[in-house]
C-alpha atoms as a PDB file:
ATOM      1  CA  UNK A   1     -47.408 -17.488 -28.412  1.00  0.00           C
ATOM      2  CA  UNK A   2     -44.391 -16.040 -30.354  1.00  0.00           C
ATOM      3  CA  UNK A   3     -41.017 -15.842 -28.614  1.00  0.00           C
ATOM      4  CA  UNK A   4     -39.353 -12.744 -29.564  1.00  0.00           C
ATOM      5  CA  UNK A   5     -35.731 -13.814 -29.928  1.00  0.00           C
ATOM      6  CA  UNK A   6     -34.223 -10.599 -29.876  1.00  0.00           C
ATOM      7  CA  UNK A   7     -35.843  -9.794 -26.496  1.00  0.00           C
ATOM      8  CA  UNK A   8     -34.514 -12.826 -25.076  1.00  0.00           C
ATOM      9  CA  UNK A   9     -30.822 -11.987 -26.237  1.00  0.00           C
ATOM     10  CA  UNK A  10     -31.273  -8.565 -24.700  1.00  0.00           C
ATOM     11  CA  UNK A  11     -32.110  -9.641 -21.327  1.00  0.00           C
ATOM     12  CA  UNK A  12     -29.002 -12.459 -21.431  1.00  0.00           C
ATOM     13  CA  UNK A  13     -26.676  -9.688 -22.856  1.00  0.00           C
ATOM     14  CA  UNK A  14     -28.496  -7.153 -19.871  1.00  0.00           C
ATOM     15  CA  UNK A  15     -27.810 -10.233 -17.364  1.00  0.00           C
ATOM     16  CA  UNK A  16     -24.370 -10.484 -18.504  1.00  0.00           C
ATOM     17  CA  UNK A  17     -23.574  -7.243 -18.500  1.00  0.00           C
ATOM     18  CA  UNK A  18     -24.972  -6.882 -14.918  1.00  0.00           C
ATOM     19  CA  UNK A  19     -22.590  -9.780 -14.121  1.00  0.00           C
ATOM     20  CA  UNK A  20     -19.615  -8.555 -15.426  1.00  0.00           C
ATOM     21  CA  UNK A  21     -20.134  -5.000 -13.628  1.00  0.00           C
ATOM     22  CA  UNK A  22     -20.805  -6.841 -10.526  1.00  0.00           C
ATOM     23  CA  UNK A  23     -17.260  -8.779 -10.852  1.00  0.00           C
ATOM     24  CA  UNK A  24     -15.621  -5.148 -11.525  1.00  0.00           C
ATOM     25  CA  UNK A  25     -17.222  -3.413  -8.519  1.00  0.00           C
ATOM     26  CA  UNK A  26     -16.467  -6.725  -6.180  1.00  0.00           C
ATOM     27  CA  UNK A  27     -12.940  -6.913  -7.598  1.00  0.00           C
ATOM     28  CA  UNK A  28     -12.458  -3.157  -6.644  1.00  0.00           C
ATOM     29  CA  UNK A  29     -13.280  -4.061  -3.216  1.00  0.00           C
ATOM     30  CA  UNK A  30     -10.439  -6.688  -3.185  1.00  0.00           C
ATOM     31  CA  UNK A  31      -7.799  -3.894  -3.356  1.00  0.00           C
ATOM     32  CA  UNK A  32      -6.170  -3.029  -0.231  1.00  0.00           C
ATOM     33  CA  UNK A  33      -7.554   0.529   0.895  1.00  0.00           C
ATOM     34  CA  UNK A  34      -7.430   2.922   3.787  1.00  0.00           C
ATOM     35  CA  UNK A  35     -11.183   3.041   4.932  1.00  0.00           C
ATOM     36  CA  UNK A  36     -10.526   6.466   6.203  1.00  0.00           C
ATOM     37  CA  UNK A  37      -9.162   7.253   2.771  1.00  0.00           C
ATOM     38  CA  UNK A  38      -6.377   9.404   4.144  1.00  0.00           C
ATOM     39  CA  UNK A  39      -3.767   9.945   1.404  1.00  0.00           C
ATOM     40  CA  UNK A  40      -1.179  12.065  -0.013  1.00  0.00           C
ATOM     41  CA  UNK A  41      -1.934  16.022  -0.988  1.00  0.00           C
ATOM     42  CA  UNK A  42      -0.359  15.307  -4.548  1.00  0.00           C
ATOM     43  CA  UNK A  43       1.825  13.189  -6.810  1.00  0.00           C
ATOM     44  CA  UNK A  44       5.177  14.281  -5.633  1.00  0.00           C
ATOM     45  CA  UNK A  45       5.902  12.600  -2.243  1.00  0.00           C
ATOM     46  CA  UNK A  46       8.932  13.919  -0.274  1.00  0.00           C
ATOM     47  CA  UNK A  47      10.374  11.995   2.424  1.00  0.00           C
ATOM     48  CA  UNK A  48      12.988  12.962   5.212  1.00  0.00           C
ATOM     49  CA  UNK A  49      15.345  10.982   7.161  1.00  0.00           C
ATOM     50  CA  UNK A  50      14.423  12.470  10.835  1.00  0.00           C
ATOM     51  CA  UNK A  51      16.565  10.290  12.420  1.00  0.00           C
ATOM     52  CA  UNK A  52      17.314   7.087  11.052  1.00  0.00           C
ATOM     53  CA  UNK A  53      20.362   4.547  10.999  1.00  0.00           C
ATOM     54  CA  UNK A  54      22.066   3.079   7.728  1.00  0.00           C
ATOM     55  CA  UNK A  55      20.159  -0.218   7.636  1.00  0.00           C
ATOM     56  CA  UNK A  56      16.748   1.315   7.935  1.00  0.00           C
ATOM     57  CA  UNK A  57      17.934   4.053   5.425  1.00  0.00           C
ATOM     58  CA  UNK A  58      18.964   1.840   2.911  1.00  0.00           C
ATOM     59  CA  UNK A  59      15.780  -0.570   3.400  1.00  0.00           C
ATOM     60  CA  UNK A  60      13.312   2.696   2.828  1.00  0.00           C
ATOM     61  CA  UNK A  61      15.610   4.057  -0.322  1.00  0.00           C
ATOM     62  CA  UNK A  62      15.311   0.694  -1.639  1.00  0.00           C
ATOM     63  CA  UNK A  63      11.177   0.396  -0.897  1.00  0.00           C
ATOM     64  CA  UNK A  64      10.785   3.940  -2.515  1.00  0.00           C
ATOM     65  CA  UNK A  65      12.741   2.771  -5.745  1.00  0.00           C
ATOM     66  CA  UNK A  66      10.463  -0.182  -5.826  1.00  0.00           C
ATOM     67  CA  UNK A  67       6.962   1.799  -5.480  1.00  0.00           C
ATOM     68  CA  UNK A  68       8.665   4.261  -8.233  1.00  0.00           C
ATOM     69  CA  UNK A  69       9.277   1.282 -10.683  1.00  0.00           C
ATOM     70  CA  UNK A  70       5.347   0.064 -10.637  1.00  0.00           C
ATOM     71  CA  UNK A  71       2.713   2.133 -12.209  1.00  0.00           C
ATOM     72  CA  UNK A  72       1.272   3.222  -9.151  1.00  0.00           C
ATOM     73  CA  UNK A  73       0.049   7.049  -9.032  1.00  0.00           C
ATOM     74  CA  UNK A  74       2.819   9.325  -7.343  1.00  0.00           C
ATOM     75  CA  UNK A  75       6.316   9.200  -7.101  1.00  0.00           C
ATOM     76  CA  UNK A  76       8.916   9.588  -3.877  1.00  0.00           C
ATOM     77  CA  UNK A  77      11.849  11.736  -3.751  1.00  0.00           C
ATOM     78  CA  UNK A  78      14.062  13.003  -0.828  1.00  0.00           C
ATOM     79  CA  UNK A  79      13.249  16.434   0.570  1.00  0.00           C
ATOM     80  CA  UNK A  80      13.740  18.894   3.582  1.00  0.00           C
ATOM     81  CA  UNK A  81      12.305  18.279   6.815  1.00  0.00           C
ATOM     82  CA  UNK A  82       9.694  20.968   6.623  1.00  0.00           C
ATOM     83  CA  UNK A  83       8.591  20.172   2.960  1.00  0.00           C
ATOM     84  CA  UNK A  84       8.427  16.401   3.784  1.00  0.00           C
ATOM     85  CA  UNK A  85       5.237  14.218   3.245  1.00  0.00           C
ATOM     86  CA  UNK A  86       6.952  11.672   5.167  1.00  0.00           C
ATOM     87  CA  UNK A  87       9.274  11.469   7.949  1.00  0.00           C
ATOM     88  CA  UNK A  88      11.208   8.537   8.620  1.00  0.00           C
ATOM     89  CA  UNK A  89      12.457   7.323  12.231  1.00  0.00           C
ATOM     90  CA  UNK A  90      14.163   4.180  13.551  1.00  0.00           C
ATOM     91  CA  UNK A  91      14.651   3.580  17.345  1.00  0.00           C
ATOM     92  CA  UNK A  92      14.548   0.614  19.472  1.00  0.00           C
ATOM     93  CA  UNK A  93      10.701   1.253  20.863  1.00  0.00           C
ATOM     94  CA  UNK A  94      10.752  -2.098  22.625  1.00  0.00           C
ATOM     95  CA  UNK A  95       9.294  -5.757  22.473  1.00  0.00           C
ATOM     96  CA  UNK A  96       5.511  -4.311  23.261  1.00  0.00           C
ATOM     97  CA  UNK A  97       5.900  -2.069  20.481  1.00  0.00           C
ATOM     98  CA  UNK A  98       4.778  -3.125  16.782  1.00  0.00           C
ATOM     99  CA  UNK A  99       7.640  -3.906  14.116  1.00  0.00           C
ATOM    100  CA  UNK A 100       6.813  -0.807  12.434  1.00  0.00           C
ATOM    101  CA  UNK A 101       4.048   1.709  11.826  1.00  0.00           C
ATOM    102  CA  UNK A 102       2.569   4.689   9.997  1.00  0.00           C
ATOM    103  CA  UNK A 103       1.359   7.718  12.043  1.00  0.00           C
ATOM    104  CA  UNK A 104      -0.853  10.455  11.155  1.00  0.00           C
ATOM    105  CA  UNK A 105      -4.398  11.401  10.951  1.00  0.00           C
ATOM    106  CA  UNK A 106      -6.703  12.653   8.229  1.00  0.00           C
ATOM    107  CA  UNK A 107      -7.510  15.972   7.738  1.00  0.00           C
ATOM    108  CA  UNK A 108     -11.494  17.237   6.552  1.00  0.00           C
ATOM    109  CA  UNK A 109     -10.560  16.463   2.951  1.00  0.00           C
ATOM    110  CA  UNK A 110      -9.176  13.136   3.308  1.00  0.00           C
ATOM    111  CA  UNK A 111      -5.609  14.116   3.160  1.00  0.00           C
ATOM    112  CA  UNK A 112      -2.977  13.417   5.673  1.00  0.00           C
ATOM    113  CA  UNK A 113      -3.000  16.077   8.362  1.00  0.00           C
ATOM    114  CA  UNK A 114      -0.622  18.943   7.071  1.00  0.00           C
ATOM    115  CA  UNK A 115      -0.020  16.478   4.021  1.00  0.00           C
ATOM    116  CA  UNK A 116       2.578  14.302   6.641  1.00  0.00           C
ATOM    117  CA  UNK A 117       2.746  11.058   7.996  1.00  0.00           C
ATOM    118  CA  UNK A 118       5.414   9.561  10.169  1.00  0.00           C
ATOM    119  CA  UNK A 119       7.041   5.895   9.487  1.00  0.00           C
ATOM    120  CA  UNK A 120       8.314   4.337  12.314  1.00  0.00           C
ATOM    121  CA  UNK A 121      10.712   1.209  12.624  1.00  0.00           C
ATOM    122  CA  UNK A 122      11.176  -0.695  15.592  1.00  0.00           C
ATOM    123  CA  UNK A 123      14.871  -1.492  15.837  1.00  0.00           C
ATOM    124  CA  UNK A 124      13.889  -3.917  19.040  1.00  0.00           C
ATOM    125  CA  UNK A 125      12.266  -6.240  16.463  1.00  0.00           C
ATOM    126  CA  UNK A 126      13.721  -5.566  13.292  1.00  0.00           C
ATOM    127  CA  UNK A 127      17.443  -5.604  13.922  1.00  0.00           C
ATOM    128  CA  UNK A 128      17.659  -9.095  13.118  1.00  0.00           C
ATOM    129  CA  UNK A 129      15.770  -9.107  10.108  1.00  0.00           C
ATOM    130  CA  UNK A 130      17.668  -9.654   6.549  1.00  0.00           C
ATOM    131  CA  UNK A 131      17.901  -6.449   4.483  1.00  0.00           C
ATOM    132  CA  UNK A 132      15.107  -7.835   2.454  1.00  0.00           C
ATOM    133  CA  UNK A 133      12.870  -8.213   4.958  1.00  0.00           C
ATOM    134  CA  UNK A 134      13.414  -4.794   6.073  1.00  0.00           C
ATOM    135  CA  UNK A 135      12.854  -3.403   2.715  1.00  0.00           C
ATOM    136  CA  UNK A 136       9.536  -5.476   2.644  1.00  0.00           C
ATOM    137  CA  UNK A 137       8.450  -4.090   5.645  1.00  0.00           C
ATOM    138  CA  UNK A 138       9.232  -0.492   4.649  1.00  0.00           C
ATOM    139  CA  UNK A 139       7.506  -1.043   1.346  1.00  0.00           C
ATOM    140  CA  UNK A 140       4.325  -2.199   3.371  1.00  0.00           C
ATOM    141  CA  UNK A 141       4.846   1.113   5.679  1.00  0.00           C
ATOM    142  CA  UNK A 142       4.924   3.017   2.505  1.00  0.00           C
ATOM    143  CA  UNK A 143       1.814   1.715   1.272  1.00  0.00           C
ATOM    144  CA  UNK A 144       0.231   2.670   4.494  1.00  0.00           C
ATOM    145  CA  UNK A 145       1.545   6.174   3.430  1.00  0.00           C
ATOM    146  CA  UNK A 146      -0.188   5.925   0.165  1.00  0.00           C
ATOM    147  CA  UNK A 147      -3.542   5.279   1.883  1.00  0.00           C
ATOM    148  CA  UNK A 148      -3.683   1.488   2.014  1.00  0.00           C
ATOM    149  CA  UNK A 149      -4.929  -0.756   4.715  1.00  0.00           C
ATOM    150  CA  UNK A 150      -4.008  -4.262   5.532  1.00  0.00           C
ATOM    151  CA  UNK A 151      -5.457  -6.872   3.115  1.00  0.00           C
ATOM    152  CA  UNK A 152      -6.449 -10.441   4.553  1.00  0.00           C
ATOM    153  CA  UNK A 153      -5.593 -12.194   1.639  1.00  0.00           C
ATOM    154  CA  UNK A 154      -3.008 -14.982   2.315  1.00  0.00           C
ATOM    155  CA  UNK A 155      -1.429 -16.386  -0.600  1.00  0.00           C
ATOM    156  CA  UNK A 156       1.572 -15.933  -3.083  1.00  0.00           C
ATOM    157  CA  UNK A 157      -0.328 -15.006  -6.260  1.00  0.00           C
ATOM    158  CA  UNK A 158       0.637 -12.074  -7.757  1.00  0.00           C
ATOM    159  CA  UNK A 159      -2.823 -10.496  -9.000  1.00  0.00           C
ATOM    160  CA  UNK A 160      -5.699  -8.140  -8.149  1.00  0.00           C
ATOM    161  CA  UNK A 161      -7.711  -9.722  -5.208  1.00  0.00           C
ATOM    162  CA  UNK A 162      -4.631 -11.992  -3.666  1.00  0.00           C
ATOM    163  CA  UNK A 163      -1.860 -11.153  -1.675  1.00  0.00           C
ATOM    164  CA  UNK A 164       0.607  -8.069  -2.057  1.00  0.00           C
ATOM    165  CA  UNK A 165       3.045  -6.250   0.337  1.00  0.00           C
ATOM    166  CA  UNK A 166       0.062  -5.168   2.226  1.00  0.00           C
ATOM    167  CA  UNK A 167      -0.479  -8.538   3.865  1.00  0.00           C
ATOM    168  CA  UNK A 168       2.242  -7.718   5.805  1.00  0.00           C
ATOM    169  CA  UNK A 169       5.867  -6.830   4.897  1.00  0.00           C
ATOM    170  CA  UNK A 170       7.100  -9.701   6.980  1.00  0.00           C
ATOM    171  CA  UNK A 171       4.447 -12.194   6.135  1.00  0.00           C
ATOM    172  CA  UNK A 172       5.085 -11.986   2.709  1.00  0.00           C
ATOM    173  CA  UNK A 173       8.889 -11.947   2.757  1.00  0.00           C
ATOM    174  CA  UNK A 174       8.530 -15.207   4.955  1.00  0.00           C
ATOM    175  CA  UNK A 175       5.976 -16.964   2.578  1.00  0.00           C
ATOM    176  CA  UNK A 176       6.424 -15.567  -0.799  1.00  0.00           C
ATOM    177  CA  UNK A 177       9.841 -14.377  -0.655  1.00  0.00           C
ATOM    178  CA  UNK A 178       8.398 -10.559  -1.682  1.00  0.00           C
ATOM    179  CA  UNK A 179       9.903  -7.585  -0.737  1.00  0.00           C
ATOM    180  CA  UNK A 180       8.119  -5.279  -3.402  1.00  0.00           C
ATOM    181  CA  UNK A 181       5.007  -3.991  -4.135  1.00  0.00           C
ATOM    182  CA  UNK A 182       2.534  -6.067  -5.825  1.00  0.00           C
ATOM    183  CA  UNK A 183      -0.465  -6.364  -8.537  1.00  0.00           C
ATOM    184  CA  UNK A 184      -2.879  -5.903  -5.846  1.00  0.00           C
ATOM    185  CA  UNK A 185      -1.088  -2.966  -3.911  1.00  0.00           C
ATOM    186  CA  UNK A 186      -0.524  -1.207  -7.149  1.00  0.00           C
ATOM    187  CA  UNK A 187      -4.046  -1.394  -8.035  1.00  0.00           C
ATOM    188  CA  UNK A 188      -5.068  -0.073  -4.465  1.00  0.00           C
ATOM    189  CA  UNK A 189      -3.137   2.607  -5.052  1.00  0.00           C
ATOM    190  CA  UNK A 190      -4.749   3.783  -8.408  1.00  0.00           C
ATOM    191  CA  UNK A 191      -8.170   3.014  -6.879  1.00  0.00           C
ATOM    192  CA  UNK A 192      -7.740   5.340  -3.963  1.00  0.00           C
ATOM    193  CA  UNK A 193      -6.010   8.467  -6.385  1.00  0.00           C
END
């Protein structure tokens, strides 16, 4: 029986190609994504400080600038209340409430309902945070506004499939000294959009 060497090479090539595609698809799953795929309506993302004190305004502005300096889809800018996609608040919500949260609902076309979402910072828990930890928390919440979910990667490797700001703003600040979006966060945004 004669062995067709070209056939054997084609099968190996097909196997390698299949493995490469599987790795690409699996790595896409490593990106942090919002399972509901709630996202911004367009790349011009306006925000408005509805009720916010100076320390949180500084943290938010620094965080949105950090996102804007990446290759992530879209860009943030200040706008009016009625035109804002993101309305930002801070308040002493109490010890039983989260550190911060992003609140909104998806419309039928997977966009934030009315193209709008709220970001809220809990002064009760965050007032003692240093400035960069507040920034990390704001960057994390902006990731949620983009449509990213939490990731379960707990390490300090800045690459796709590893920790990023979506692991948790406070966690990444405490464990990795990060306060800005990382490679996996940016890849996640670009994957969603």
